[in-house]
Amino acid sequence: MNIPKGKLLIIGGNEDRSDSDNEMEKINQNFVSHEILKLLINHENDRIEVITTASSEPESMRQTYTETFNQIGFTNFDFLHFDEEQLHSDFYIERIKAAKTIFITGGDQNKICNKLNETEISGILHEKYKNEEGFLIAGTSAGAMCMPKIIIGEAVNGEAMLKDDIKMVSGLGLIDSCIVDTHFVHRGRFSRLAHAIILHENHLGIGLGEDTALLIEKGDQAMCIGSGNVVIISGKEILQTNTNTAVKGKPIYAENLKVHMLTDGCCIHLTNGAVKPPL
């Protein structure tokens, strides 16, 4: 297996930016202003292309991130909101090829996957991620959820896990053997990610808190960054579950589902699940 030369940055949403309203940022002693978004570039001239295709309000996204990037001091960035014509335009394809960072905003993860999967743009992203040193693909909220091979397409966000209350679909395929959920604590999404992992026991569930991210290097070495936490759910040691026998609408149970809690500076190996505390 070839080790990717690029990096991934998956963000739980509501990262510190011009319109952020996260109370945790104000009281957490580890909070650093714009800490996560500052990771988008290594050098001041690095080109950022912001993909707003997941959003139903691309102009609002454009305004917010323009203000935020200006505050940080970024100067070399622009926005793409792909329609069918742009997906096949040499001009936009060349912009993706020339970018040092691709940043996918929030919205609906299904929109971005339906638009980009099996396109030349998707192929370029995979190629650059695998082979280009220093290349970064970042995503926040839906932009993070869309990155794995299998993603949560639809789910009932209730307290109980019910048979057939979750729909898994194909994602962009940049992350193997993990399923990502965002706004994880704030929106009470433990049950839906746990259900996804019970259905896919060999995958690792990544529940990203707001203003919190995992920076993934070499394909599976991840560090937690930000003012919240990341919840890791493992189903690899499940002893009992009724997911294969329950009828539609009946609650799902599982024995020996395991959970890890990561905070700023913690590291996790996404293949073997080993966790390291902050240095």
C-alpha atoms as a PDB file:
ATOM      1  CA  MET A   1       0.000   0.000   0.000  1.00  0.00           C
ATOM      2  CA  ASN A   2       1.362   3.389  -1.019  1.00  0.00           C
ATOM      3  CA  ILE A   3       1.487   5.961   1.766  1.00  0.00           C
ATOM      4  CA  PRO A   4      -0.194   9.242   0.736  1.00  0.00           C
ATOM      5  CA  LYS A   5       2.186  12.188   0.532  1.00  0.00           C
ATOM      6  CA  GLY A   6      -0.641  14.669   1.087  1.00  0.00           C
ATOM      7  CA  LYS A   7      -2.626  15.467   4.224  1.00  0.00           C
ATOM      8  CA  LEU A   8      -6.276  15.593   5.235  1.00  0.00           C
ATOM      9  CA  LEU A   9      -7.831  18.025   7.694  1.00  0.00           C
ATOM     10  CA  ILE A  10     -11.326  17.032   8.845  1.00  0.00           C
ATOM     11  CA  ILE A  11     -13.124  19.662  10.940  1.00  0.00           C
ATOM     12  CA  GLY A  12     -16.225  19.203  13.084  1.00  0.00           C
ATOM     13  CA  GLY A  13     -17.838  22.474  11.978  1.00  0.00           C
ATOM     14  CA  ASN A  14     -18.217  25.890  13.587  1.00  0.00           C
ATOM     15  CA  GLU A  15     -14.439  26.373  13.587  1.00  0.00           C
ATOM     16  CA  ASP A  16     -13.267  29.771  14.835  1.00  0.00           C
ATOM     17  CA  ARG A  17     -14.061  32.234  12.039  1.00  0.00           C
ATOM     18  CA  SER A  18     -15.751  35.603  11.549  1.00  0.00           C
ATOM     19  CA  ASP A  19     -19.282  34.283  12.255  1.00  0.00           C
ATOM     20  CA  SER A  20     -18.358  31.727  14.927  1.00  0.00           C
ATOM     21  CA  ASP A  21     -20.410  31.532  18.113  1.00  0.00           C
ATOM     22  CA  ASN A  22     -18.848  28.681  20.091  1.00  0.00           C
ATOM     23  CA  GLU A  23     -18.970  29.118  23.880  1.00  0.00           C
ATOM     24  CA  MET A  24     -16.271  26.473  24.406  1.00  0.00           C
ATOM     25  CA  GLU A  25     -13.772  28.685  22.597  1.00  0.00           C
ATOM     26  CA  LYS A  26     -14.199  31.372  25.257  1.00  0.00           C
ATOM     27  CA  ILE A  27     -13.498  29.196  28.304  1.00  0.00           C
ATOM     28  CA  ASN A  28     -11.085  26.492  27.092  1.00  0.00           C
ATOM     29  CA  GLN A  29      -7.525  27.373  28.039  1.00  0.00           C
ATOM     30  CA  ASN A  30      -6.283  25.502  24.941  1.00  0.00           C
ATOM     31  CA  PHE A  31      -8.235  27.815  22.604  1.00  0.00           C
ATOM     32  CA  VAL A  32      -6.140  29.594  19.986  1.00  0.00           C
ATOM     33  CA  SER A  33      -7.786  32.063  17.602  1.00  0.00           C
ATOM     34  CA  HIS A  34      -8.143  30.664  14.059  1.00  0.00           C
ATOM     35  CA  GLU A  35      -5.950  27.727  15.113  1.00  0.00           C
ATOM     36  CA  ILE A  36      -7.527  25.217  12.753  1.00  0.00           C
ATOM     37  CA  LEU A  37      -7.897  27.375   9.649  1.00  0.00           C
ATOM     38  CA  LYS A  38      -4.293  28.550   9.962  1.00  0.00           C
ATOM     39  CA  LEU A  39      -3.342  24.944   9.091  1.00  0.00           C
ATOM     40  CA  LEU A  40      -4.709  25.380   5.561  1.00  0.00           C
ATOM     41  CA  ILE A  41      -1.396  26.664   4.237  1.00  0.00           C
ATOM     42  CA  ASN A  42       2.300  26.171   4.966  1.00  0.00           C
ATOM     43  CA  HIS A  43       3.568  29.218   3.078  1.00  0.00           C
ATOM     44  CA  GLU A  44       1.936  32.606   2.542  1.00  0.00           C
ATOM     45  CA  ASN A  45       1.749  32.178  -1.248  1.00  0.00           C
ATOM     46  CA  ASP A  46       0.044  28.752  -1.141  1.00  0.00           C
ATOM     47  CA  ARG A  47      -3.092  28.690  -3.282  1.00  0.00           C
ATOM     48  CA  ILE A  48      -6.413  27.756  -1.602  1.00  0.00           C
ATOM     49  CA  GLU A  49      -9.454  26.750  -3.662  1.00  0.00           C
ATOM     50  CA  VAL A  50     -12.632  26.749  -1.576  1.00  0.00           C
ATOM     51  CA  ILE A  51     -15.363  24.412  -2.845  1.00  0.00           C
ATOM     52  CA  THR A  52     -18.839  25.562  -1.744  1.00  0.00           C
ATOM     53  CA  THR A  53     -20.793  22.926  -3.691  1.00  0.00           C
ATOM     54  CA  ALA A  54     -22.215  21.342  -0.507  1.00  0.00           C
ATOM     55  CA  SER A  55     -23.822  24.623   0.540  1.00  0.00           C
ATOM     56  CA  SER A  56     -27.253  25.945  -0.434  1.00  0.00           C
ATOM     57  CA  GLU A  57     -25.959  29.455   0.365  1.00  0.00           C
ATOM     58  CA  PRO A  58     -22.619  29.680  -1.466  1.00  0.00           C
ATOM     59  CA  GLU A  59     -22.528  33.484  -1.419  1.00  0.00           C
ATOM     60  CA  SER A  60     -22.846  33.507   2.373  1.00  0.00           C
ATOM     61  CA  MET A  61     -19.993  30.986   2.600  1.00  0.00           C
ATOM     62  CA  ARG A  62     -17.942  33.113   0.242  1.00  0.00           C
ATOM     63  CA  GLN A  63     -18.452  36.211   2.378  1.00  0.00           C
ATOM     64  CA  THR A  64     -17.719  34.452   5.677  1.00  0.00           C
ATOM     65  CA  TYR A  65     -14.512  32.785   4.536  1.00  0.00           C
ATOM     66  CA  THR A  66     -13.311  35.863   2.672  1.00  0.00           C
ATOM     67  CA  GLU A  67     -13.609  37.863   5.902  1.00  0.00           C
ATOM     68  CA  THR A  68     -11.951  35.104   7.937  1.00  0.00           C
ATOM     69  CA  PHE A  69      -9.098  34.504   5.507  1.00  0.00           C
ATOM     70  CA  ASN A  70      -8.456  38.241   5.353  1.00  0.00           C
ATOM     71  CA  GLN A  71      -8.283  38.314   9.164  1.00  0.00           C
ATOM     72  CA  ILE A  72      -5.760  35.477   9.153  1.00  0.00           C
ATOM     73  CA  GLY A  73      -3.732  37.103   6.398  1.00  0.00           C
ATOM     74  CA  PHE A  74      -4.402  34.688   3.533  1.00  0.00           C
ATOM     75  CA  THR A  75      -4.174  36.413   0.150  1.00  0.00           C
ATOM     76  CA  ASN A  76      -4.160  33.660  -2.480  1.00  0.00           C
ATOM     77  CA  PHE A  77      -7.620  32.075  -2.476  1.00  0.00           C
ATOM     78  CA  ASP A  78     -10.802  31.826  -4.526  1.00  0.00           C
ATOM     79  CA  PHE A  79     -14.099  29.937  -4.593  1.00  0.00           C
ATOM     80  CA  LEU A  80     -15.623  27.196  -6.743  1.00  0.00           C
ATOM     81  CA  HIS A  81     -19.290  26.202  -6.778  1.00  0.00           C
ATOM     82  CA  PHE A  82     -19.387  23.423  -9.330  1.00  0.00           C
ATOM     83  CA  ASP A  83     -22.223  23.069 -11.803  1.00  0.00           C
ATOM     84  CA  GLU A  84     -22.184  20.562 -14.650  1.00  0.00           C
ATOM     85  CA  GLU A  85     -20.402  22.946 -17.016  1.00  0.00           C
ATOM     86  CA  GLN A  86     -17.687  23.878 -14.524  1.00  0.00           C
ATOM     87  CA  LEU A  87     -16.985  20.227 -13.685  1.00  0.00           C
ATOM     88  CA  HIS A  88     -15.787  19.705 -17.242  1.00  0.00           C
ATOM     89  CA  SER A  89     -14.218  23.119 -17.804  1.00  0.00           C
ATOM     90  CA  ASP A  90     -10.476  23.128 -18.481  1.00  0.00           C
ATOM     91  CA  PHE A  91     -10.221  26.440 -16.602  1.00  0.00           C
ATOM     92  CA  TYR A  92     -11.614  25.008 -13.353  1.00  0.00           C
ATOM     93  CA  ILE A  93      -9.760  21.725 -13.746  1.00  0.00           C
ATOM     94  CA  GLU A  94      -6.482  23.635 -14.075  1.00  0.00           C
ATOM     95  CA  ARG A  95      -7.318  25.622 -10.935  1.00  0.00           C
ATOM     96  CA  ILE A  96      -7.714  22.378  -8.975  1.00  0.00           C
ATOM     97  CA  LYS A  97      -4.458  21.061 -10.404  1.00  0.00           C
ATOM     98  CA  ALA A  98      -2.607  24.227  -9.379  1.00  0.00           C
ATOM     99  CA  ALA A  99      -4.001  24.431  -5.822  1.00  0.00           C
ATOM    100  CA  LYS A 100      -1.908  23.620  -2.776  1.00  0.00           C
ATOM    101  CA  THR A 101      -5.039  23.355  -0.607  1.00  0.00           C
ATOM    102  CA  ILE A 102      -8.605  22.316  -1.370  1.00  0.00           C
ATOM    103  CA  PHE A 103     -11.104  23.356   1.314  1.00  0.00           C
ATOM    104  CA  ILE A 104     -14.659  21.958   1.202  1.00  0.00           C
ATOM    105  CA  THR A 105     -17.243  23.938   3.154  1.00  0.00           C
ATOM    106  CA  GLY A 106     -20.285  22.678   5.038  1.00  0.00           C
ATOM    107  CA  GLY A 107     -23.796  22.043   3.766  1.00  0.00           C
ATOM    108  CA  ASP A 108     -25.038  18.659   2.535  1.00  0.00           C
ATOM    109  CA  GLN A 109     -22.492  15.865   2.167  1.00  0.00           C
ATOM    110  CA  ASN A 110     -24.674  14.149  -0.422  1.00  0.00           C
ATOM    111  CA  LYS A 111     -24.464  17.181  -2.717  1.00  0.00           C
ATOM    112  CA  ILE A 112     -20.691  17.199  -2.827  1.00  0.00           C
ATOM    113  CA  CYS A 113     -20.444  13.422  -3.318  1.00  0.00           C
ATOM    114  CA  ASN A 114     -23.144  13.290  -5.987  1.00  0.00           C
ATOM    115  CA  LYS A 115     -21.467  16.143  -7.859  1.00  0.00           C
ATOM    116  CA  LEU A 116     -17.821  15.071  -7.646  1.00  0.00           C
ATOM    117  CA  ASN A 117     -17.780  11.266  -7.517  1.00  0.00           C
ATOM    118  CA  GLU A 118     -16.487   9.609 -10.693  1.00  0.00           C
ATOM    119  CA  THR A 119     -15.452  12.951 -12.244  1.00  0.00           C
ATOM    120  CA  GLU A 120     -12.074  14.169 -13.482  1.00  0.00           C
ATOM    121  CA  ILE A 121     -12.005  16.572 -10.514  1.00  0.00           C
ATOM    122  CA  SER A 122     -12.302  13.665  -8.067  1.00  0.00           C
ATOM    123  CA  GLY A 123      -9.527  11.818  -9.877  1.00  0.00           C
ATOM    124  CA  ILE A 124      -7.242  14.847  -9.629  1.00  0.00           C
ATOM    125  CA  LEU A 125      -7.918  15.185  -5.890  1.00  0.00           C
ATOM    126  CA  HIS A 126      -7.008  11.530  -5.331  1.00  0.00           C
ATOM    127  CA  GLU A 127      -3.890  11.794  -7.460  1.00  0.00           C
ATOM    128  CA  LYS A 128      -2.628  14.953  -5.741  1.00  0.00           C
ATOM    129  CA  TYR A 129      -3.392  13.547  -2.285  1.00  0.00           C
ATOM    130  CA  LYS A 130      -1.461  10.362  -3.023  1.00  0.00           C
ATOM    131  CA  ASN A 131       1.536  11.870  -4.785  1.00  0.00           C
ATOM    132  CA  GLU A 132       1.992  15.572  -4.007  1.00  0.00           C
ATOM    133  CA  GLU A 133       4.089  16.466  -0.972  1.00  0.00           C
ATOM    134  CA  GLY A 134       2.454  19.172   1.128  1.00  0.00           C
ATOM    135  CA  PHE A 135      -0.925  19.006  -0.635  1.00  0.00           C
ATOM    136  CA  LEU A 136      -3.896  19.353   1.743  1.00  0.00           C
ATOM    137  CA  ILE A 137      -7.561  18.492   1.385  1.00  0.00           C
ATOM    138  CA  ALA A 138      -9.581  20.053   4.196  1.00  0.00           C
ATOM    139  CA  GLY A 139     -13.284  19.951   4.934  1.00  0.00           C
ATOM    140  CA  THR A 140     -15.582  21.280   7.618  1.00  0.00           C
ATOM    141  CA  SER A 141     -18.942  19.811   8.676  1.00  0.00           C
ATOM    142  CA  ALA A 142     -20.377  18.162   5.520  1.00  0.00           C
ATOM    143  CA  GLY A 143     -17.025  18.832   3.867  1.00  0.00           C
ATOM    144  CA  ALA A 144     -15.438  16.478   6.407  1.00  0.00           C
ATOM    145  CA  MET A 145     -18.234  13.906   6.383  1.00  0.00           C
ATOM    146  CA  CYS A 146     -17.925  13.409   2.626  1.00  0.00           C
ATOM    147  CA  MET A 147     -14.274  12.263   2.682  1.00  0.00           C
ATOM    148  CA  PRO A 148     -14.470   8.544   3.648  1.00  0.00           C
ATOM    149  CA  LYS A 149     -15.338   5.710   1.296  1.00  0.00           C
ATOM    150  CA  ILE A 150     -18.589   5.089   3.210  1.00  0.00           C
ATOM    151  CA  ILE A 151     -20.526   8.052   4.628  1.00  0.00           C
ATOM    152  CA  ILE A 152     -23.730   8.767   6.511  1.00  0.00           C
ATOM    153  CA  GLY A 153     -26.165   9.917   3.841  1.00  0.00           C
ATOM    154  CA  GLU A 154     -29.297  10.178   5.952  1.00  0.00           C
ATOM    155  CA  ALA A 155     -30.078   9.328   9.583  1.00  0.00           C
ATOM    156  CA  VAL A 156     -32.731   9.867  12.213  1.00  0.00           C
ATOM    157  CA  ASN A 157     -30.978  11.807  14.968  1.00  0.00           C
ATOM    158  CA  GLY A 158     -32.805  10.258  17.917  1.00  0.00           C
ATOM    159  CA  GLU A 159     -31.759   8.846  21.278  1.00  0.00           C
ATOM    160  CA  ALA A 160     -32.425   5.253  20.210  1.00  0.00           C
ATOM    161  CA  MET A 161     -30.856   3.355  17.329  1.00  0.00           C
ATOM    162  CA  LEU A 162     -33.689   1.854  15.300  1.00  0.00           C
ATOM    163  CA  LYS A 163     -33.438  -0.731  12.544  1.00  0.00           C
ATOM    164  CA  ASP A 164     -33.202   0.966   9.119  1.00  0.00           C
ATOM    165  CA  ASP A 165     -33.095   4.526  10.526  1.00  0.00           C
ATOM    166  CA  ILE A 166     -29.734   5.217   8.851  1.00  0.00           C
ATOM    167  CA  LYS A 167     -28.665   5.221   5.214  1.00  0.00           C
ATOM    168  CA  MET A 168     -25.026   4.742   4.244  1.00  0.00           C
ATOM    169  CA  VAL A 169     -23.825   5.891   0.821  1.00  0.00           C
ATOM    170  CA  SER A 170     -20.586   6.219  -1.144  1.00  0.00           C
ATOM    171  CA  GLY A 171     -18.273   9.102  -0.243  1.00  0.00           C
ATOM    172  CA  LEU A 172     -15.203  10.564  -1.944  1.00  0.00           C
ATOM    173  CA  GLY A 173     -13.023   7.640  -0.828  1.00  0.00           C
ATOM    174  CA  LEU A 174     -10.128   9.655   0.592  1.00  0.00           C
ATOM    175  CA  ILE A 175     -10.273   7.890   3.978  1.00  0.00           C
ATOM    176  CA  ASP A 176     -10.323   4.100   4.318  1.00  0.00           C
ATOM    177  CA  SER A 177     -12.048   2.159   7.111  1.00  0.00           C
ATOM    178  CA  CYS A 178     -13.400   5.210   8.958  1.00  0.00           C
ATOM    179  CA  ILE A 179     -16.812   6.889   9.116  1.00  0.00           C
ATOM    180  CA  VAL A 180     -16.949  10.577  10.043  1.00  0.00           C
ATOM    181  CA  ASP A 181     -19.664  12.581  11.798  1.00  0.00           C
ATOM    182  CA  THR A 182     -19.540  16.279  12.704  1.00  0.00           C
ATOM    183  CA  HIS A 183     -21.087  18.756  15.177  1.00  0.00           C
ATOM    184  CA  PHE A 184     -20.924  15.550  17.161  1.00  0.00           C
ATOM    185  CA  VAL A 185     -21.483  16.589  20.767  1.00  0.00           C
ATOM    186  CA  HIS A 186     -23.404  19.803  20.140  1.00  0.00           C
ATOM    187  CA  ARG A 187     -26.060  18.049  18.021  1.00  0.00           C
ATOM    188  CA  GLY A 188     -26.193  14.785  20.004  1.00  0.00           C
ATOM    189  CA  ARG A 189     -25.063  12.488  17.211  1.00  0.00           C
ATOM    190  CA  PHE A 190     -23.584   9.620  19.234  1.00  0.00           C
ATOM    191  CA  SER A 191     -26.374   7.164  18.405  1.00  0.00           C
ATOM    192  CA  ARG A 192     -26.239   7.653  14.665  1.00  0.00           C
ATOM    193  CA  LEU A 193     -22.453   7.229  14.435  1.00  0.00           C
ATOM    194  CA  ALA A 194     -22.605   4.238  16.789  1.00  0.00           C
ATOM    195  CA  HIS A 195     -25.274   2.700  14.562  1.00  0.00           C
ATOM    196  CA  ALA A 196     -23.094   3.244  11.489  1.00  0.00           C
ATOM    197  CA  ILE A 197     -20.193   1.492  13.208  1.00  0.00           C
ATOM    198  CA  ILE A 198     -22.340  -1.424  14.393  1.00  0.00           C
ATOM    199  CA  LEU A 199     -23.293  -1.918  10.742  1.00  0.00           C
ATOM    200  CA  HIS A 200     -19.632  -1.643   9.673  1.00  0.00           C
ATOM    201  CA  GLU A 201     -17.716  -3.228  12.549  1.00  0.00           C
ATOM    202  CA  ASN A 202     -14.320  -3.042  10.852  1.00  0.00           C
ATOM    203  CA  HIS A 203     -14.558   0.739  10.527  1.00  0.00           C
ATOM    204  CA  LEU A 204     -13.600   3.343  13.106  1.00  0.00           C
ATOM    205  CA  GLY A 205     -16.143   6.038  13.944  1.00  0.00           C
ATOM    206  CA  ILE A 206     -14.798   9.597  14.162  1.00  0.00           C
ATOM    207  CA  GLY A 207     -17.143  12.011  15.933  1.00  0.00           C
ATOM    208  CA  LEU A 208     -15.732  15.512  15.519  1.00  0.00           C
ATOM    209  CA  GLY A 209     -16.693  18.203  18.002  1.00  0.00           C
ATOM    210  CA  GLU A 210     -17.155  21.808  16.923  1.00  0.00           C
ATOM    211  CA  ASP A 211     -14.008  23.925  16.522  1.00  0.00           C
ATOM    212  CA  THR A 212     -12.109  20.629  16.583  1.00  0.00           C
ATOM    213  CA  ALA A 213     -10.293  18.718  13.860  1.00  0.00           C
ATOM    214  CA  LEU A 214      -8.136  15.738  13.048  1.00  0.00           C
ATOM    215  CA  LEU A 215      -5.044  16.400  10.953  1.00  0.00           C
ATOM    216  CA  ILE A 216      -4.307  13.141   9.131  1.00  0.00           C
ATOM    217  CA  GLU A 217      -0.848  12.425   7.743  1.00  0.00           C
ATOM    218  CA  LYS A 218       0.509   9.341   5.950  1.00  0.00           C
ATOM    219  CA  GLY A 219      -3.042   8.094   5.504  1.00  0.00           C
ATOM    220  CA  ASP A 220      -3.729   6.978   9.067  1.00  0.00           C
ATOM    221  CA  GLN A 221      -1.738   9.030  11.596  1.00  0.00           C
ATOM    222  CA  ALA A 222      -4.052  11.625  13.101  1.00  0.00           C
ATOM    223  CA  MET A 223      -3.686  14.428  15.641  1.00  0.00           C
ATOM    224  CA  CYS A 224      -6.563  16.170  17.410  1.00  0.00           C
ATOM    225  CA  ILE A 225      -6.507  19.973  17.234  1.00  0.00           C
ATOM    226  CA  GLY A 226      -8.936  22.522  18.653  1.00  0.00           C
ATOM    227  CA  SER A 227     -11.004  23.580  21.645  1.00  0.00           C
ATOM    228  CA  GLY A 228     -13.471  20.667  21.734  1.00  0.00           C
ATOM    229  CA  ASN A 229     -13.020  16.911  21.541  1.00  0.00           C
ATOM    230  CA  VAL A 230     -13.087  14.010  19.117  1.00  0.00           C
ATOM    231  CA  VAL A 231     -15.007  10.866  20.054  1.00  0.00           C
ATOM    232  CA  ILE A 232     -13.702   7.626  18.572  1.00  0.00           C
ATOM    233  CA  ILE A 233     -16.100   4.667  18.391  1.00  0.00           C
ATOM    234  CA  SER A 234     -14.768   1.175  17.711  1.00  0.00           C
ATOM    235  CA  GLY A 235     -16.954  -1.822  16.929  1.00  0.00           C
ATOM    236  CA  LYS A 236     -14.116  -4.250  16.300  1.00  0.00           C
ATOM    237  CA  GLU A 237     -14.683  -6.045  19.617  1.00  0.00           C
ATOM    238  CA  ILE A 238     -18.486  -6.166  19.609  1.00  0.00           C
ATOM    239  CA  LEU A 239     -19.673  -9.374  21.276  1.00  0.00           C
ATOM    240  CA  GLN A 240     -23.423  -9.229  20.653  1.00  0.00           C
ATOM    241  CA  THR A 241     -25.782  -7.158  18.518  1.00  0.00           C
ATOM    242  CA  ASN A 242     -29.219  -7.679  16.985  1.00  0.00           C
ATOM    243  CA  THR A 243     -28.602  -5.588  13.886  1.00  0.00           C
ATOM    244  CA  ASN A 244     -29.049  -8.604  11.569  1.00  0.00           C
ATOM    245  CA  THR A 245     -32.185  -9.982  13.261  1.00  0.00           C
ATOM    246  CA  ALA A 246     -34.200  -6.904  14.279  1.00  0.00           C
ATOM    247  CA  VAL A 247     -37.157  -5.844  12.137  1.00  0.00           C
ATOM    248  CA  LYS A 248     -37.623  -2.302  10.834  1.00  0.00           C
ATOM    249  CA  GLY A 249     -38.282   0.248  13.593  1.00  0.00           C
ATOM    250  CA  LYS A 250     -37.058  -2.006  16.431  1.00  0.00           C
ATOM    251  CA  PRO A 251     -34.216  -0.748  18.665  1.00  0.00           C
ATOM    252  CA  ILE A 252     -30.645  -1.920  18.083  1.00  0.00           C
ATOM    253  CA  TYR A 253     -28.319  -2.944  20.905  1.00  0.00           C
ATOM    254  CA  ALA A 254     -24.624  -3.772  21.002  1.00  0.00           C
ATOM    255  CA  GLU A 255     -22.299  -5.226  23.639  1.00  0.00           C
ATOM    256  CA  ASN A 256     -18.700  -4.076  24.043  1.00  0.00           C
ATOM    257  CA  LEU A 257     -18.782  -1.054  21.775  1.00  0.00           C
ATOM    258  CA  LYS A 258     -15.646   0.914  22.722  1.00  0.00           C
ATOM    259  CA  VAL A 259     -15.177   4.679  22.982  1.00  0.00           C
ATOM    260  CA  HIS A 260     -12.108   6.924  23.174  1.00  0.00           C
ATOM    261  CA  MET A 261     -12.108  10.658  23.928  1.00  0.00           C
ATOM    262  CA  LEU A 262      -9.414  12.794  22.281  1.00  0.00           C
ATOM    263  CA  THR A 263      -8.549  16.400  23.071  1.00  0.00           C
ATOM    264  CA  ASP A 264      -6.045  18.885  21.681  1.00  0.00           C
ATOM    265  CA  GLY A 265      -2.684  17.203  21.098  1.00  0.00           C
ATOM    266  CA  CYS A 266      -3.899  13.588  21.372  1.00  0.00           C
ATOM    267  CA  CYS A 267      -2.936  11.296  18.509  1.00  0.00           C
ATOM    268  CA  ILE A 268      -4.586   8.182  17.129  1.00  0.00           C
ATOM    269  CA  HIS A 269      -3.466   5.603  14.585  1.00  0.00           C
ATOM    270  CA  LEU A 270      -6.563   5.124  12.432  1.00  0.00           C
ATOM    271  CA  THR A 271      -5.577   1.611  11.334  1.00  0.00           C
ATOM    272  CA  ASN A 272      -4.817  -0.056  14.670  1.00  0.00           C
ATOM    273  CA  GLY A 273      -6.707   2.378  16.951  1.00  0.00           C
ATOM    274  CA  ALA A 274      -3.710   3.104  19.221  1.00  0.00           C
ATOM    275  CA  VAL A 275      -4.063   6.388  21.130  1.00  0.00           C
ATOM    276  CA  LYS A 276      -1.234   8.589  22.372  1.00  0.00           C
ATOM    277  CA  PRO A 277      -1.709  11.413  24.911  1.00  0.00           C
ATOM    278  CA  PRO A 278      -0.489  14.959  24.231  1.00  0.00           C
ATOM    279  CA  LEU A 279       3.253  15.480  24.507  1.00  0.00           C
END
